[in-house]
Amino acid sequence: TPLREALASLIAEGAIKHQPRRGNFVRPLT
């Protein structure tokens, strides 16, 4: 539960991207 809450905040920040039916992935540094 706290992990998923943390991942949601990181998705909002742009550090992680969510892909439907695939999961969460670390966004590359660009």
PDB file of all heavy atoms in Angstrom:
ATOM      1  N   THR A   1       0.816  -1.225   0.000  1.00  0.00           N
ATOM      2  CA  THR A   1       0.000   0.000   0.000  1.00  0.00           C
ATOM      3  C   THR A   1       0.847   1.271   0.000  1.00  0.00           C
ATOM      4  O   THR A   1       0.674   2.127  -0.883  1.00  0.00           O
ATOM      5  CB  THR A   1      -0.985   0.004   1.181  1.00  0.00           C
ATOM      6  OG1 THR A   1      -1.880  -1.092   1.044  1.00  0.00           O
ATOM      7  CG2 THR A   1      -1.778   1.307   1.210  1.00  0.00           C
ATOM      8  N   PRO A   2       1.778   1.479   0.953  1.00  0.00           N
ATOM      9  CA  PRO A   2       2.601   2.691   0.897  1.00  0.00           C
ATOM     10  C   PRO A   2       3.499   2.712  -0.331  1.00  0.00           C
ATOM     11  O   PRO A   2       3.815   3.800  -0.853  1.00  0.00           O
ATOM     12  CB  PRO A   2       3.416   2.638   2.188  1.00  0.00           C
ATOM     13  CG  PRO A   2       3.380   1.211   2.613  1.00  0.00           C
ATOM     14  CD  PRO A   2       2.054   0.687   2.162  1.00  0.00           C
ATOM     15  N   LEU A   3       3.906   1.544  -0.817  1.00  0.00           N
ATOM     16  CA  LEU A   3       4.725   1.516  -2.030  1.00  0.00           C
ATOM     17  C   LEU A   3       3.932   2.048  -3.216  1.00  0.00           C
ATOM     18  O   LEU A   3       4.438   2.865  -3.994  1.00  0.00           O
ATOM     19  CB  LEU A   3       5.203   0.089  -2.303  1.00  0.00           C
ATOM     20  CG  LEU A   3       5.997  -0.104  -3.607  1.00  0.00           C
ATOM     21  CD1 LEU A   3       7.260   0.754  -3.602  1.00  0.00           C
ATOM     22  CD2 LEU A   3       6.345  -1.568  -3.807  1.00  0.00           C
ATOM     23  N   ARG A   4       2.698   1.610  -3.352  1.00  0.00           N
ATOM     24  CA  ARG A   4       1.878   2.081  -4.462  1.00  0.00           C
ATOM     25  C   ARG A   4       1.569   3.567  -4.347  1.00  0.00           C
ATOM     26  O   ARG A   4       1.508   4.273  -5.356  1.00  0.00           O
ATOM     27  CB  ARG A   4       0.589   1.256  -4.526  1.00  0.00           C
ATOM     28  CG  ARG A   4       0.823  -0.154  -5.055  1.00  0.00           C
ATOM     29  CD  ARG A   4      -0.399  -1.018  -4.983  1.00  0.00           C
ATOM     30  NE  ARG A   4      -0.171  -2.317  -5.609  1.00  0.00           N
ATOM     31  CZ  ARG A   4      -0.986  -3.351  -5.521  1.00  0.00           C
ATOM     32  NH1 ARG A   4      -2.104  -3.238  -4.818  1.00  0.00           N
ATOM     33  NH2 ARG A   4      -0.700  -4.482  -6.122  1.00  0.00           N
ATOM     34  N   GLU A   5       1.365   4.052  -3.117  1.00  0.00           N
ATOM     35  CA  GLU A   5       1.159   5.491  -2.916  1.00  0.00           C
ATOM     36  C   GLU A   5       2.401   6.269  -3.348  1.00  0.00           C
ATOM     37  O   GLU A   5       2.311   7.330  -3.981  1.00  0.00           O
ATOM     38  CB  GLU A   5       0.834   5.774  -1.457  1.00  0.00           C
ATOM     39  CG  GLU A   5      -0.524   5.255  -1.014  1.00  0.00           C
ATOM     40  CD  GLU A   5      -0.736   5.394   0.480  1.00  0.00           C
ATOM     41  OE1 GLU A   5       0.228   5.758   1.198  1.00  0.00           O
ATOM     42  OE2 GLU A   5      -1.864   5.133   0.952  1.00  0.00           O
ATOM     43  N   ALA A   6       3.571   5.733  -3.002  1.00  0.00           N
ATOM     44  CA  ALA A   6       4.829   6.380  -3.382  1.00  0.00           C
ATOM     45  C   ALA A   6       5.010   6.375  -4.892  1.00  0.00           C
ATOM     46  O   ALA A   6       5.416   7.393  -5.491  1.00  0.00           O
ATOM     47  CB  ALA A   6       6.008   5.666  -2.718  1.00  0.00           C
ATOM     48  N   LEU A   7       4.704   5.264  -5.521  1.00  0.00           N
ATOM     49  CA  LEU A   7       4.837   5.175  -6.974  1.00  0.00           C
ATOM     50  C   LEU A   7       3.896   6.156  -7.671  1.00  0.00           C
ATOM     51  O   LEU A   7       4.260   6.762  -8.682  1.00  0.00           O
ATOM     52  CB  LEU A   7       4.561   3.750  -7.443  1.00  0.00           C
ATOM     53  CG  LEU A   7       5.606   2.696  -7.044  1.00  0.00           C
ATOM     54  CD1 LEU A   7       5.127   1.294  -7.442  1.00  0.00           C
ATOM     55  CD2 LEU A   7       6.966   3.004  -7.671  1.00  0.00           C
ATOM     56  N   ALA A   8       2.696   6.332  -7.113  1.00  0.00           N
ATOM     57  CA  ALA A   8       1.748   7.286  -7.702  1.00  0.00           C
ATOM     58  C   ALA A   8       2.318   8.704  -7.666  1.00  0.00           C
ATOM     59  O   ALA A   8       2.178   9.461  -8.635  1.00  0.00           O
ATOM     60  CB  ALA A   8       0.414   7.222  -6.954  1.00  0.00           C
ATOM     61  N   SER A   9       2.958   9.061  -6.558  1.00  0.00           N
ATOM     62  CA  SER A   9       3.540  10.407  -6.463  1.00  0.00           C
ATOM     63  C   SER A   9       4.720  10.559  -7.420  1.00  0.00           C
ATOM     64  O   SER A   9       4.919  11.627  -8.011  1.00  0.00           O
ATOM     65  CB  SER A   9       3.978  10.704  -5.025  1.00  0.00           C
ATOM     66  OG  SER A   9       5.071   9.898  -4.636  1.00  0.00           O
ATOM     67  N   LEU A  10       5.479   9.497  -7.622  1.00  0.00           N
ATOM     68  CA  LEU A  10       6.623   9.549  -8.535  1.00  0.00           C
ATOM     69  C   LEU A  10       6.168   9.591  -9.991  1.00  0.00           C
ATOM     70  O   LEU A  10       6.838  10.206 -10.836  1.00  0.00           O
ATOM     71  CB  LEU A  10       7.538   8.345  -8.294  1.00  0.00           C
ATOM     72  CG  LEU A  10       8.254   8.346  -6.945  1.00  0.00           C
ATOM     73  CD1 LEU A  10       8.928   6.997  -6.698  1.00  0.00           C
ATOM     74  CD2 LEU A  10       9.274   9.468  -6.862  1.00  0.00           C
ATOM     75  N   ILE A  11       5.038   8.976 -10.287  1.00  0.00           N
ATOM     76  CA  ILE A  11       4.464   9.090 -11.625  1.00  0.00           C
ATOM     77  C   ILE A  11       4.058  10.537 -11.885  1.00  0.00           C
ATOM     78  O   ILE A  11       4.297  11.089 -12.964  1.00  0.00           O
ATOM     79  CB  ILE A  11       3.257   8.141 -11.776  1.00  0.00           C
ATOM     80  CG1 ILE A  11       3.737   6.684 -11.801  1.00  0.00           C
ATOM     81  CG2 ILE A  11       2.480   8.451 -13.055  1.00  0.00           C
ATOM     82  CD1 ILE A  11       2.612   5.672 -11.681  1.00  0.00           C
ATOM     83  N   ALA A  12       3.437  11.158 -10.872  1.00  0.00           N
ATOM     84  CA  ALA A  12       3.029  12.562 -11.007  1.00  0.00           C
ATOM     85  C   ALA A  12       4.230  13.474 -11.213  1.00  0.00           C
ATOM     86  O   ALA A  12       4.157  14.473 -11.943  1.00  0.00           O
ATOM     87  CB  ALA A  12       2.238  12.997  -9.774  1.00  0.00           C
ATOM     88  N   GLU A  13       5.359  13.137 -10.582  1.00  0.00           N
ATOM     89  CA  GLU A  13       6.576  13.935 -10.728  1.00  0.00           C
ATOM     90  C   GLU A  13       7.253  13.721 -12.075  1.00  0.00           C
ATOM     91  O   GLU A  13       8.047  14.548 -12.509  1.00  0.00           O
ATOM     92  CB  GLU A  13       7.586  13.567  -9.630  1.00  0.00           C
ATOM     93  CG  GLU A  13       7.182  13.995  -8.256  1.00  0.00           C
ATOM     94  CD  GLU A  13       8.122  13.453  -7.202  1.00  0.00           C
ATOM     95  OE1 GLU A  13       9.183  12.898  -7.571  1.00  0.00           O
ATOM     96  OE2 GLU A  13       7.796  13.570  -6.014  1.00  0.00           O
ATOM     97  N   GLY A  14       6.984  12.596 -12.710  1.00  0.00           N
ATOM     98  CA  GLY A  14       7.625  12.300 -13.979  1.00  0.00           C
ATOM     99  C   GLY A  14       8.836  11.399 -13.881  1.00  0.00           C
ATOM    100  O   GLY A  14       9.499  11.140 -14.888  1.00  0.00           O
ATOM    101  N   ALA A  15       9.147  10.900 -12.679  1.00  0.00           N
ATOM    102  CA  ALA A  15      10.302  10.018 -12.525  1.00  0.00           C
ATOM    103  C   ALA A  15       9.992   8.593 -12.972  1.00  0.00           C
ATOM    104  O   ALA A  15      10.902   7.844 -13.341  1.00  0.00           O
ATOM    105  CB  ALA A  15      10.773  10.006 -11.073  1.00  0.00           C
ATOM    106  N   ILE A  16       8.712   8.249 -12.925  1.00  0.00           N
ATOM    107  CA  ILE A  16       8.272   6.908 -13.308  1.00  0.00           C
ATOM    108  C   ILE A  16       7.099   7.062 -14.270  1.00  0.00           C
ATOM    109  O   ILE A  16       6.299   7.996 -14.149  1.00  0.00           O
ATOM    110  CB  ILE A  16       7.862   6.094 -12.064  1.00  0.00           C
ATOM    111  CG1 ILE A  16       9.105   5.737 -11.239  1.00  0.00           C
ATOM    112  CG2 ILE A  16       7.102   4.827 -12.439  1.00  0.00           C
ATOM    113  CD1 ILE A  16       8.791   5.070  -9.923  1.00  0.00           C
ATOM    114  N   LYS A  17       7.005   6.177 -15.244  1.00  0.00           N
ATOM    115  CA  LYS A  17       5.879   6.201 -16.172  1.00  0.00           C
ATOM    116  C   LYS A  17       5.080   4.913 -16.029  1.00  0.00           C
ATOM    117  O   LYS A  17       5.628   3.835 -15.818  1.00  0.00           O
ATOM    118  CB  LYS A  17       6.369   6.357 -17.611  1.00  0.00           C
ATOM    119  CG  LYS A  17       7.337   5.288 -18.077  1.00  0.00           C
ATOM    120  CD  LYS A  17       7.849   5.585 -19.479  1.00  0.00           C
ATOM    121  CE  LYS A  17       8.913   4.550 -19.911  1.00  0.00           C
ATOM    122  NZ  LYS A  17       9.463   4.849 -21.232  1.00  0.00           N
ATOM    123  N   HIS A  18       3.748   5.048 -16.124  1.00  0.00           N
ATOM    124  CA  HIS A  18       2.867   3.887 -16.027  1.00  0.00           C
ATOM    125  C   HIS A  18       2.401   3.492 -17.416  1.00  0.00           C
ATOM    126  O   HIS A  18       1.935   4.326 -18.193  1.00  0.00           O
ATOM    127  CB  HIS A  18       1.657   4.194 -15.160  1.00  0.00           C
ATOM    128  CG  HIS A  18       0.684   3.065 -15.091  1.00  0.00           C
ATOM    129  ND1 HIS A  18       0.950   1.907 -14.381  1.00  0.00           N
ATOM    130  CD2 HIS A  18      -0.541   2.888 -15.674  1.00  0.00           C
ATOM    131  CE1 HIS A  18      -0.069   1.081 -14.517  1.00  0.00           C
ATOM    132  NE2 HIS A  18      -0.983   1.646 -15.288  1.00  0.00           N
ATOM    133  N   GLN A  19       2.538   2.222 -17.730  1.00  0.00           N
ATOM    134  CA  GLN A  19       2.059   1.696 -18.997  1.00  0.00           C
ATOM    135  C   GLN A  19       0.927   0.707 -18.699  1.00  0.00           C
ATOM    136  O   GLN A  19       1.147  -0.307 -18.016  1.00  0.00           O
ATOM    137  CB  GLN A  19       3.187   1.004 -19.756  1.00  0.00           C
ATOM    138  CG  GLN A  19       4.315   1.949 -20.154  1.00  0.00           C
ATOM    139  CD  GLN A  19       5.383   1.272 -20.987  1.00  0.00           C
ATOM    140  OE1 GLN A  19       5.211   0.131 -21.424  1.00  0.00           O
ATOM    141  NE2 GLN A  19       6.480   1.976 -21.227  1.00  0.00           N
ATOM    142  N   PRO A  20      -0.281   0.997 -19.164  1.00  0.00           N
ATOM    143  CA  PRO A  20      -1.430   0.117 -18.885  1.00  0.00           C
ATOM    144  C   PRO A  20      -1.143  -1.339 -19.260  1.00  0.00           C
ATOM    145  O   PRO A  20      -0.577  -1.620 -20.315  1.00  0.00           O
ATOM    146  CB  PRO A  20      -2.536   0.719 -19.776  1.00  0.00           C
ATOM    147  CG  PRO A  20      -2.154   2.154 -19.917  1.00  0.00           C
ATOM    148  CD  PRO A  20      -0.646   2.166 -19.981  1.00  0.00           C
ATOM    149  N   ARG A  21      -1.528  -2.215 -18.366  1.00  0.00           N
ATOM    150  CA  ARG A  21      -1.384  -3.662 -18.520  1.00  0.00           C
ATOM    151  C   ARG A  21       0.072  -4.139 -18.534  1.00  0.00           C
ATOM    152  O   ARG A  21       0.336  -5.328 -18.670  1.00  0.00           O
ATOM    153  CB  ARG A  21      -2.107  -4.167 -19.777  1.00  0.00           C
ATOM    154  CG  ARG A  21      -3.620  -3.957 -19.740  1.00  0.00           C
ATOM    155  CD  ARG A  21      -4.287  -4.514 -20.963  1.00  0.00           C
ATOM    156  NE  ARG A  21      -3.850  -3.851 -22.179  1.00  0.00           N
ATOM    157  CZ  ARG A  21      -4.317  -2.681 -22.604  1.00  0.00           C
ATOM    158  NH1 ARG A  21      -5.272  -2.049 -21.911  1.00  0.00           N
ATOM    159  NH2 ARG A  21      -3.890  -2.139 -23.708  1.00  0.00           N
ATOM    160  N   ARG A  22       1.002  -3.223 -18.378  1.00  0.00           N
ATOM    161  CA  ARG A  22       2.415  -3.612 -18.344  1.00  0.00           C
ATOM    162  C   ARG A  22       3.076  -3.282 -17.013  1.00  0.00           C
ATOM    163  O   ARG A  22       3.954  -3.994 -16.555  1.00  0.00           O
ATOM    164  CB  ARG A  22       3.192  -2.931 -19.480  1.00  0.00           C
ATOM    165  CG  ARG A  22       2.830  -3.423 -20.874  1.00  0.00           C
ATOM    166  CD  ARG A  22       3.852  -2.958 -21.868  1.00  0.00           C
ATOM    167  NE  ARG A  22       5.166  -3.519 -21.570  1.00  0.00           N
ATOM    168  CZ  ARG A  22       6.317  -2.959 -21.956  1.00  0.00           C
ATOM    169  NH1 ARG A  22       6.324  -1.824 -22.618  1.00  0.00           N
ATOM    170  NH2 ARG A  22       7.464  -3.524 -21.645  1.00  0.00           N
ATOM    171  N   GLY A  23       2.672  -2.173 -16.394  1.00  0.00           N
ATOM    172  CA  GLY A  23       3.245  -1.815 -15.100  1.00  0.00           C
ATOM    173  C   GLY A  23       3.938  -0.469 -15.108  1.00  0.00           C
ATOM    174  O   GLY A  23       3.715   0.371 -15.995  1.00  0.00           O
ATOM    175  N   ASN A  24       4.786  -0.258 -14.107  1.00  0.00           N
ATOM    176  CA  ASN A  24       5.507   1.002 -13.933  1.00  0.00           C
ATOM    177  C   ASN A  24       6.970   0.838 -14.317  1.00  0.00           C
ATOM    178  O   ASN A  24       7.599  -0.163 -13.978  1.00  0.00           O
ATOM    179  CB  ASN A  24       5.404   1.471 -12.474  1.00  0.00           C
ATOM    180  CG  ASN A  24       3.973   1.748 -12.066  1.00  0.00           C
ATOM    181  OD1 ASN A  24       3.218   2.376 -12.800  1.00  0.00           O
ATOM    182  ND2 ASN A  24       3.579   1.272 -10.892  1.00  0.00           N
ATOM    183  N   PHE A  25       7.499   1.853 -15.004  1.00  0.00           N
ATOM    184  CA  PHE A  25       8.867   1.806 -15.511  1.00  0.00           C
ATOM    185  C   PHE A  25       9.605   3.096 -15.149  1.00  0.00           C
ATOM    186  O   PHE A  25       9.012   4.178 -15.109  1.00  0.00           O
ATOM    187  CB  PHE A  25       8.874   1.631 -17.035  1.00  0.00           C
ATOM    188  CG  PHE A  25       8.313   0.315 -17.491  1.00  0.00           C
ATOM    189  CD1 PHE A  25       6.941   0.115 -17.566  1.00  0.00           C
ATOM    190  CD2 PHE A  25       9.160  -0.732 -17.841  1.00  0.00           C
ATOM    191  CE1 PHE A  25       6.404  -1.107 -17.989  1.00  0.00           C
ATOM    192  CE2 PHE A  25       8.639  -1.952 -18.258  1.00  0.00           C
ATOM    193  CZ  PHE A  25       7.261  -2.133 -18.332  1.00  0.00           C
ATOM    194  N   VAL A  26      10.904   2.963 -14.912  1.00  0.00           N
ATOM    195  CA  VAL A  26      11.747   4.127 -14.616  1.00  0.00           C
ATOM    196  C   VAL A  26      11.942   4.936 -15.893  1.00  0.00           C
ATOM    197  O   VAL A  26      12.351   4.388 -16.927  1.00  0.00           O
ATOM    198  CB  VAL A  26      13.115   3.687 -14.068  1.00  0.00           C
ATOM    199  CG1 VAL A  26      14.014   4.904 -13.847  1.00  0.00           C
ATOM    200  CG2 VAL A  26      12.942   2.907 -12.759  1.00  0.00           C
ATOM    201  N   ARG A  27      11.622   6.208 -15.833  1.00  0.00           N
ATOM    202  CA  ARG A  27      11.819   7.061 -17.011  1.00  0.00           C
ATOM    203  C   ARG A  27      13.303   7.344 -17.197  1.00  0.00           C
ATOM    204  O   ARG A  27      14.015   7.650 -16.235  1.00  0.00           O
ATOM    205  CB  ARG A  27      11.066   8.374 -16.864  1.00  0.00           C
ATOM    206  CG  ARG A  27       9.557   8.233 -16.930  1.00  0.00           C
ATOM    207  CD  ARG A  27       8.890   9.587 -17.025  1.00  0.00           C
ATOM    208  NE  ARG A  27       9.288  10.257 -18.252  1.00  0.00           N
ATOM    209  CZ  ARG A  27       9.202  11.575 -18.439  1.00  0.00           C
ATOM    210  NH1 ARG A  27       8.779  12.351 -17.465  1.00  0.00           N
ATOM    211  NH2 ARG A  27       9.564  12.116 -19.579  1.00  0.00           N
ATOM    212  N   PRO A  28      13.785   7.275 -18.430  1.00  0.00           N
ATOM    213  CA  PRO A  28      15.203   7.538 -18.670  1.00  0.00           C
ATOM    214  C   PRO A  28      15.539   9.011 -18.471  1.00  0.00           C
ATOM    215  O   PRO A  28      14.682   9.888 -18.598  1.00  0.00           O
ATOM    216  CB  PRO A  28      15.404   7.119 -20.128  1.00  0.00           C
ATOM    217  CG  PRO A  28      14.049   7.251 -20.745  1.00  0.00           C
ATOM    218  CD  PRO A  28      13.069   6.897 -19.657  1.00  0.00           C
ATOM    219  N   LEU A  29      16.791   9.265 -18.156  1.00  0.00           N
ATOM    220  CA  LEU A  29      17.293  10.631 -18.056  1.00  0.00           C
ATOM    221  C   LEU A  29      17.555  11.138 -19.475  1.00  0.00           C
ATOM    222  O   LEU A  29      18.239  10.485 -20.257  1.00  0.00           O
ATOM    223  CB  LEU A  29      18.594  10.642 -17.251  1.00  0.00           C
ATOM    224  CG  LEU A  29      18.482  10.147 -15.812  1.00  0.00           C
ATOM    225  CD1 LEU A  29      19.826   9.652 -15.315  1.00  0.00           C
ATOM    226  CD2 LEU A  29      17.971  11.251 -14.914  1.00  0.00           C
ATOM    227  N   THR A  30      17.007  12.294 -19.815  1.00  0.00           N
ATOM    228  CA  THR A  30      17.177  12.817 -21.166  1.00  0.00           C
ATOM    229  C   THR A  30      17.567  14.291 -21.148  1.00  0.00           C
ATOM    230  O   THR A  30      17.223  15.030 -20.225  1.00  0.00           O
ATOM    231  CB  THR A  30      15.886  12.681 -21.993  1.00  0.00           C
ATOM    232  OG1 THR A  30      14.877  13.554 -21.446  1.00  0.00           O
ATOM    233  CG2 THR A  30      15.378  11.240 -21.988  1.00  0.00           C
TER     234      THR A  30
END
